[in-house]
C-alpha atoms as a PDB file:
ATOM      1  CA  MET A   1     -24.884   3.520  12.314  1.00  0.00           C
ATOM      2  CA  SER A   2     -22.287   6.806  12.409  1.00  0.00           C
ATOM      3  CA  SER A   3     -19.239   6.193  10.158  1.00  0.00           C
ATOM      4  CA  LEU A   4     -16.896   6.328  13.140  1.00  0.00           C
ATOM      5  CA  GLN A   5     -18.977   3.232  14.858  1.00  0.00           C
ATOM      6  CA  THR A   6     -18.190   1.775  11.527  1.00  0.00           C
ATOM      7  CA  ASP A   7     -15.044   2.281  11.324  1.00  0.00           C
ATOM      8  CA  LYS A   8     -14.261   0.957  15.003  1.00  0.00           C
ATOM      9  CA  ILE A   9     -16.665  -2.060  13.700  1.00  0.00           C
ATOM     10  CA  LEU A  10     -14.233  -2.612  10.847  1.00  0.00           C
ATOM     11  CA  ALA A  11     -11.126  -2.055  13.098  1.00  0.00           C
ATOM     12  CA  ALA A  12     -12.481  -4.912  15.896  1.00  0.00           C
ATOM     13  CA  ILE A  13     -13.416  -7.666  12.932  1.00  0.00           C
ATOM     14  CA  ASP A  14      -9.685  -6.493  11.845  1.00  0.00           C
ATOM     15  CA  LEU A  15      -8.016  -7.271  15.320  1.00  0.00           C
ATOM     16  CA  ALA A  16     -10.260 -10.787  15.605  1.00  0.00           C
ATOM     17  CA  ASN A  17      -9.086 -11.677  12.085  1.00  0.00           C
ATOM     18  CA  SER A  18      -5.236 -10.853  12.948  1.00  0.00           C
ATOM     19  CA  ALA A  19      -5.222 -13.744  15.236  1.00  0.00           C
ATOM     20  CA  ASP A  20      -5.227 -16.145  12.227  1.00  0.00           C
ATOM     21  CA  PRO A  21      -2.394 -18.510  12.673  1.00  0.00           C
ATOM     22  CA  GLN A  22      -1.934 -18.805   8.778  1.00  0.00           C
ATOM     23  CA  THR A  23      -0.219 -16.162   6.896  1.00  0.00           C
ATOM     24  CA  GLU A  24       0.708 -15.006   3.190  1.00  0.00           C
ATOM     25  CA  ASN A  25       3.291 -12.189   2.240  1.00  0.00           C
ATOM     26  CA  TRP A  26       0.838  -9.843   0.973  1.00  0.00           C
ATOM     27  CA  GLN A  27       3.030  -5.910   0.824  1.00  0.00           C
ATOM     28  CA  GLY A  28       6.346  -7.196   1.144  1.00  0.00           C
ATOM     29  CA  GLN A  29       5.358  -8.714   4.436  1.00  0.00           C
ATOM     30  CA  ASP A  30       4.120 -12.167   6.114  1.00  0.00           C
ATOM     31  CA  GLN A  31       0.220 -11.178   7.588  1.00  0.00           C
ATOM     32  CA  PRO A  32      -2.494 -12.704   8.648  1.00  0.00           C
ATOM     33  CA  ARG A  33      -4.514 -14.780   6.056  1.00  0.00           C
ATOM     34  CA  GLU A  34      -8.218 -13.818   6.712  1.00  0.00           C
ATOM     35  CA  LEU A  35      -6.674 -10.111   7.871  1.00  0.00           C
ATOM     36  CA  VAL A  36      -5.750 -10.035   4.455  1.00  0.00           C
ATOM     37  CA  TYR A  37      -8.714 -11.456   2.943  1.00  0.00           C
ATOM     38  CA  GLY A  38     -10.978  -9.128   4.669  1.00  0.00           C
ATOM     39  CA  GLN A  39      -8.680  -6.097   3.671  1.00  0.00           C
ATOM     40  CA  ARG A  40      -8.647  -7.313   0.211  1.00  0.00           C
ATOM     41  CA  MET A  41     -11.986  -7.420   0.399  1.00  0.00           C
ATOM     42  CA  SER A  42     -12.675  -3.716   1.202  1.00  0.00           C
ATOM     43  CA  LEU A  43     -10.418  -2.653  -1.558  1.00  0.00           C
ATOM     44  CA  TRP A  44     -12.775  -4.430  -4.214  1.00  0.00           C
ATOM     45  CA  LEU A  45     -15.332  -2.531  -2.590  1.00  0.00           C
ATOM     46  CA  ASP A  46     -14.151   0.558  -2.156  1.00  0.00           C
ATOM     47  CA  ARG A  47     -13.080   0.343  -6.213  1.00  0.00           C
ATOM     48  CA  LEU A  48     -16.424  -0.567  -7.567  1.00  0.00           C
ATOM     49  CA  TYR A  49     -18.811   0.765  -5.052  1.00  0.00           C
ATOM     50  CA  ALA A  50     -17.348   3.480  -3.577  1.00  0.00           C
ATOM     51  CA  ASP A  51     -21.132   5.013  -1.886  1.00  0.00           C
ATOM     52  CA  ALA A  52     -21.519   1.594  -0.083  1.00  0.00           C
ATOM     53  CA  SER A  53     -23.555   1.386   3.031  1.00  0.00           C
ATOM     54  CA  ASP A  54     -22.079   1.177   6.132  1.00  0.00           C
ATOM     55  CA  GLU A  55     -24.116  -2.348   6.832  1.00  0.00           C
ATOM     56  CA  LEU A  56     -22.364  -3.544   3.308  1.00  0.00           C
ATOM     57  CA  ARG A  57     -19.083  -2.424   4.354  1.00  0.00           C
ATOM     58  CA  ILE A  58     -19.110  -4.210   7.335  1.00  0.00           C
ATOM     59  CA  ALA A  59     -20.708  -7.869   5.860  1.00  0.00           C
ATOM     60  CA  VAL A  60     -17.833  -7.396   2.994  1.00  0.00           C
ATOM     61  CA  ARG A  61     -14.595  -7.017   6.100  1.00  0.00           C
ATOM     62  CA  ALA A  62     -16.687 -10.174   7.661  1.00  0.00           C
ATOM     63  CA  GLN A  63     -16.870 -12.126   4.763  1.00  0.00           C
ATOM     64  CA  HIS A  64     -14.277 -14.491   5.965  1.00  0.00           C
ATOM     65  CA  LEU A  65     -14.188 -13.670   9.988  1.00  0.00           C
ATOM     66  CA  GLU A  66     -12.102 -16.161  11.602  1.00  0.00           C
ATOM     67  CA  ARG A  67     -12.787 -18.856   8.987  1.00  0.00           C
ATOM     68  CA  TRP A  68      -9.549 -20.232  10.659  1.00  0.00           C
ATOM     69  CA  LEU A  69     -11.889 -21.898  13.389  1.00  0.00           C
ATOM     70  CA  ARG A  70     -14.010 -23.087  11.121  1.00  0.00           C
ATOM     71  CA  PRO A  71     -11.054 -25.156   9.230  1.00  0.00           C
ATOM     72  CA  ARG A  72     -12.337 -27.857   5.672  1.00  0.00           C
ATOM     73  CA  SER A  73     -10.268 -30.662   6.572  1.00  0.00           C
ATOM     74  CA  ASP A  74     -13.358 -30.895   9.608  1.00  0.00           C
ATOM     75  CA  TYR A  75     -15.509 -32.180   7.210  1.00  0.00           C
ATOM     76  CA  PRO A  76     -16.214 -34.988   4.544  1.00  0.00           C
ATOM     77  CA  ASP A  77     -14.636 -34.592   0.977  1.00  0.00           C
ATOM     78  CA  GLY A  78     -17.256 -33.923  -1.303  1.00  0.00           C
ATOM     79  CA  ARG A  79     -19.856 -31.668  -3.026  1.00  0.00           C
ATOM     80  CA  ASP A  80     -21.882 -32.017   0.110  1.00  0.00           C
ATOM     81  CA  GLY A  81     -19.088 -31.587   2.386  1.00  0.00           C
ATOM     82  CA  TYR A  82     -17.900 -28.535   1.323  1.00  0.00           C
ATOM     83  CA  ARG A  83     -22.213 -26.999   0.895  1.00  0.00           C
ATOM     84  CA  ASN A  84     -22.040 -27.905   4.534  1.00  0.00           C
ATOM     85  CA  TRP A  85     -18.680 -26.267   5.219  1.00  0.00           C
ATOM     86  CA  ARG A  86     -19.621 -23.412   3.355  1.00  0.00           C
ATOM     87  CA  VAL A  87     -22.859 -22.762   5.025  1.00  0.00           C
ATOM     88  CA  ASP A  88     -21.522 -23.510   8.245  1.00  0.00           C
ATOM     89  CA  CYS A  89     -18.818 -20.677   7.534  1.00  0.00           C
ATOM     90  CA  SER A  90     -21.381 -18.168   6.563  1.00  0.00           C
ATOM     91  CA  ALA A  91     -23.524 -18.885   9.639  1.00  0.00           C
ATOM     92  CA  TYR A  92     -20.306 -18.133  11.914  1.00  0.00           C
ATOM     93  CA  HIS A  93     -19.179 -15.287  10.249  1.00  0.00           C
ATOM     94  CA  ALA A  94     -22.648 -14.106  10.682  1.00  0.00           C
ATOM     95  CA  LYS A  95     -22.804 -14.449  14.050  1.00  0.00           C
ATOM     96  CA  ARG A  96     -19.270 -13.016  15.121  1.00  0.00           C
ATOM     97  CA  ALA A  97     -19.986 -10.250  13.162  1.00  0.00           C
ATOM     98  CA  GLY A  98     -23.075  -9.590  14.878  1.00  0.00           C
ATOM     99  CA  GLU A  99     -20.947  -9.816  18.633  1.00  0.00           C
ATOM    100  CA  ILE A 100     -19.003  -7.146  17.185  1.00  0.00           C
ATOM    101  CA  MET A 101     -21.747  -4.581  16.061  1.00  0.00           C
ATOM    102  CA  ALA A 102     -23.512  -4.888  18.678  1.00  0.00           C
ATOM    103  CA  GLU A 103     -20.403  -4.463  21.151  1.00  0.00           C
ATOM    104  CA  HIS A 104     -20.352  -0.986  19.439  1.00  0.00           C
ATOM    105  CA  GLY A 105     -23.996   0.225  19.888  1.00  0.00           C
ATOM    106  CA  ALA A 106     -25.682  -1.400  16.593  1.00  0.00           C
ATOM    107  CA  SER A 107     -29.392  -1.688  15.850  1.00  0.00           C
ATOM    108  CA  ARG A 108     -30.956  -5.608  15.717  1.00  0.00           C
ATOM    109  CA  GLN A 109     -32.335  -4.364  12.262  1.00  0.00           C
ATOM    110  CA  GLN A 110     -28.507  -3.302  11.066  1.00  0.00           C
ATOM    111  CA  VAL A 111     -26.854  -6.621  12.815  1.00  0.00           C
ATOM    112  CA  ASP A 112     -29.698  -8.568  10.588  1.00  0.00           C
ATOM    113  CA  ARG A 113     -28.955  -6.724   7.406  1.00  0.00           C
ATOM    114  CA  VAL A 114     -25.265  -7.548   7.697  1.00  0.00           C
ATOM    115  CA  SER A 115     -25.991 -11.062   8.521  1.00  0.00           C
ATOM    116  CA  SER A 116     -28.246 -11.892   5.298  1.00  0.00           C
ATOM    117  CA  LEU A 117     -25.335 -10.016   3.525  1.00  0.00           C
ATOM    118  CA  ILE A 118     -22.688 -12.734   4.738  1.00  0.00           C
ATOM    119  CA  ARG A 119     -25.012 -15.186   3.966  1.00  0.00           C
ATOM    120  CA  LYS A 120     -25.785 -14.240   0.413  1.00  0.00           C
ATOM    121  CA  GLN A 121     -28.901 -14.215   0.824  1.00  0.00           C
ATOM    122  CA  ASN A 122     -31.189 -12.872  -2.399  1.00  0.00           C
ATOM    123  CA  ILE A 123     -27.952 -12.576  -4.444  1.00  0.00           C
ATOM    124  CA  LYS A 124     -29.850 -11.551  -7.680  1.00  0.00           C
ATOM    125  CA  SER A 125     -32.291  -9.298  -6.361  1.00  0.00           C
ATOM    126  CA  ASP A 126     -30.564  -7.423  -3.440  1.00  0.00           C
ATOM    127  CA  PRO A 127     -27.632  -4.983  -5.229  1.00  0.00           C
ATOM    128  CA  ASP A 128     -25.668  -5.376  -1.669  1.00  0.00           C
ATOM    129  CA  ALA A 129     -25.652  -8.706  -1.844  1.00  0.00           C
ATOM    130  CA  GLN A 130     -24.438  -8.874  -5.410  1.00  0.00           C
ATOM    131  CA  ALA A 131     -21.777  -6.351  -4.811  1.00  0.00           C
ATOM    132  CA  LEU A 132     -20.748  -8.609  -2.127  1.00  0.00           C
ATOM    133  CA  GLU A 133     -20.500 -11.539  -3.998  1.00  0.00           C
ATOM    134  CA  ASP A 134     -18.738  -9.150  -7.061  1.00  0.00           C
ATOM    135  CA  CYS A 135     -15.765  -8.731  -4.707  1.00  0.00           C
ATOM    136  CA  ALA A 136     -15.584 -12.262  -3.677  1.00  0.00           C
ATOM    137  CA  ALA A 137     -15.064 -13.310  -7.176  1.00  0.00           C
ATOM    138  CA  LEU A 138     -13.098 -10.831  -8.014  1.00  0.00           C
ATOM    139  CA  VAL A 139     -10.728 -11.333  -4.910  1.00  0.00           C
ATOM    140  CA  PHE A 140     -10.569 -15.036  -5.911  1.00  0.00           C
ATOM    141  CA  LEU A 141      -9.747 -14.214  -9.506  1.00  0.00           C
ATOM    142  CA  GLU A 142      -7.125 -11.755  -8.514  1.00  0.00           C
ATOM    143  CA  PHE A 143      -5.506 -13.136  -5.061  1.00  0.00           C
ATOM    144  CA  TYR A 144      -6.235 -17.484  -5.354  1.00  0.00           C
ATOM    145  CA  PHE A 145      -6.974 -18.514  -8.848  1.00  0.00           C
ATOM    146  CA  ASN A 146      -3.095 -19.304  -9.632  1.00  0.00           C
ATOM    147  CA  ASP A 147      -3.284 -21.352  -6.709  1.00  0.00           C
ATOM    148  CA  PHE A 148      -5.903 -23.063  -6.824  1.00  0.00           C
ATOM    149  CA  LEU A 149      -4.912 -24.145 -10.164  1.00  0.00           C
ATOM    150  CA  VAL A 150      -2.232 -25.362  -9.020  1.00  0.00           C
ATOM    151  CA  LYS A 151      -4.007 -27.198  -6.132  1.00  0.00           C
ATOM    152  CA  TYR A 152      -6.409 -29.037  -8.521  1.00  0.00           C
ATOM    153  CA  ASP A 153      -4.369 -30.046 -11.256  1.00  0.00           C
ATOM    154  CA  ASP A 154      -6.053 -32.722 -11.516  1.00  0.00           C
ATOM    155  CA  TYR A 155      -9.726 -31.612 -12.090  1.00  0.00           C
ATOM    156  CA  SER A 156     -10.744 -32.261 -16.060  1.00  0.00           C
ATOM    157  CA  GLU A 157     -10.927 -29.457 -18.171  1.00  0.00           C
ATOM    158  CA  ALA A 158     -14.682 -29.915 -18.001  1.00  0.00           C
ATOM    159  CA  LYS A 159     -14.833 -29.504 -14.397  1.00  0.00           C
ATOM    160  CA  MET A 160     -12.533 -26.906 -14.153  1.00  0.00           C
ATOM    161  CA  ILE A 161     -14.298 -24.551 -16.923  1.00  0.00           C
ATOM    162  CA  ARG A 162     -17.852 -25.308 -14.845  1.00  0.00           C
ATOM    163  CA  ILE A 163     -16.130 -23.995 -11.900  1.00  0.00           C
ATOM    164  CA  ILE A 164     -15.023 -20.762 -13.852  1.00  0.00           C
ATOM    165  CA  GLN A 165     -18.213 -20.381 -15.352  1.00  0.00           C
ATOM    166  CA  ARG A 166     -20.123 -20.469 -12.084  1.00  0.00           C
ATOM    167  CA  THR A 167     -17.567 -17.965 -10.765  1.00  0.00           C
ATOM    168  CA  TRP A 168     -18.455 -15.926 -13.608  1.00  0.00           C
ATOM    169  CA  LYS A 169     -22.485 -16.358 -13.357  1.00  0.00           C
ATOM    170  CA  LYS A 170     -22.634 -14.948 -10.083  1.00  0.00           C
ATOM    171  CA  MET A 171     -21.188 -11.756 -10.888  1.00  0.00           C
ATOM    172  CA  SER A 172     -23.063  -8.554 -12.262  1.00  0.00           C
ATOM    173  CA  GLU A 173     -22.142  -7.166 -15.563  1.00  0.00           C
ATOM    174  CA  THR A 174     -20.273  -4.731 -13.480  1.00  0.00           C
ATOM    175  CA  GLY A 175     -18.257  -7.502 -11.606  1.00  0.00           C
ATOM    176  CA  GLN A 176     -17.853  -9.666 -15.389  1.00  0.00           C
ATOM    177  CA  ASP A 177     -16.080  -6.158 -16.548  1.00  0.00           C
ATOM    178  CA  ALA A 178     -13.738  -5.313 -13.983  1.00  0.00           C
ATOM    179  CA  ALA A 179     -12.454  -9.159 -14.088  1.00  0.00           C
ATOM    180  CA  LEU A 180     -11.585  -8.451 -17.735  1.00  0.00           C
ATOM    181  CA  SER A 181      -9.672  -6.041 -16.544  1.00  0.00           C
ATOM    182  CA  LEU A 182      -7.446  -8.143 -14.378  1.00  0.00           C
ATOM    183  CA  ASP A 183      -3.736  -8.481 -14.941  1.00  0.00           C
ATOM    184  CA  LEU A 184      -3.864 -12.415 -14.682  1.00  0.00           C
ATOM    185  CA  ASP A 185      -1.057 -14.584 -15.802  1.00  0.00           C
ATOM    186  CA  GLU A 186      -1.070 -16.653 -19.267  1.00  0.00           C
ATOM    187  CA  GLN A 187      -2.384 -19.853 -17.857  1.00  0.00           C
ATOM    188  CA  ALA A 188      -4.691 -18.013 -15.605  1.00  0.00           C
ATOM    189  CA  LEU A 189      -6.092 -16.233 -18.944  1.00  0.00           C
ATOM    190  CA  ALA A 190      -6.248 -19.199 -20.743  1.00  0.00           C
ATOM    191  CA  TRP A 191      -8.796 -20.989 -18.789  1.00  0.00           C
ATOM    192  CA  VAL A 192     -10.786 -17.885 -18.580  1.00  0.00           C
ATOM    193  CA  ARG A 193     -11.136 -17.476 -21.775  1.00  0.00           C
ATOM    194  CA  LYS A 194     -11.531 -21.251 -22.721  1.00  0.00           C
ATOM    195  CA  ALA A 195     -14.605 -21.076 -19.682  1.00  0.00           C
ATOM    196  CA  LEU A 196     -16.176 -17.798 -21.497  1.00  0.00           C
ATOM    197  CA  GLY A 197     -15.821 -19.424 -25.100  1.00  0.00           C
END
């Protein structure tokens, strides 16, 4: 896949995510939430894995492609509802990314590769899938962890620690080292320290 095609695919993903009706403030202005998320993912990829393949670059940008069309509120509360939502979301993101790629001349093999990455298949044995997981964990910790702590302040200490530990275990050493360099606020840093012992 040429870089020109990849750039067009990334632009098309951004265009699709620009339709998100939810916004958040980033770089001094309100922007569509999933557009911001995709760009944050790409920034972390560039920082940690500058030699990433075109397929990985696309998968990272499409990680939450049009996620607002699959709201969590459509699924039951609890672990099973959350798991089913995540599986359905990843299947939808992979499908939409494949459609956009096909429109720009990508091969079936390339589409399948991006689909596998978005679905996070073989995380621990596939370096690209692990790189995507690192980016997702780092974006969460840097930009969304504080809001998560506020939203779920009724969680027990043990449950919060388990969540942080699971996130940590999903990362490679490269991702973990980057996480330790984050400028987290005092509360978030305290939770990370508790979870890591």
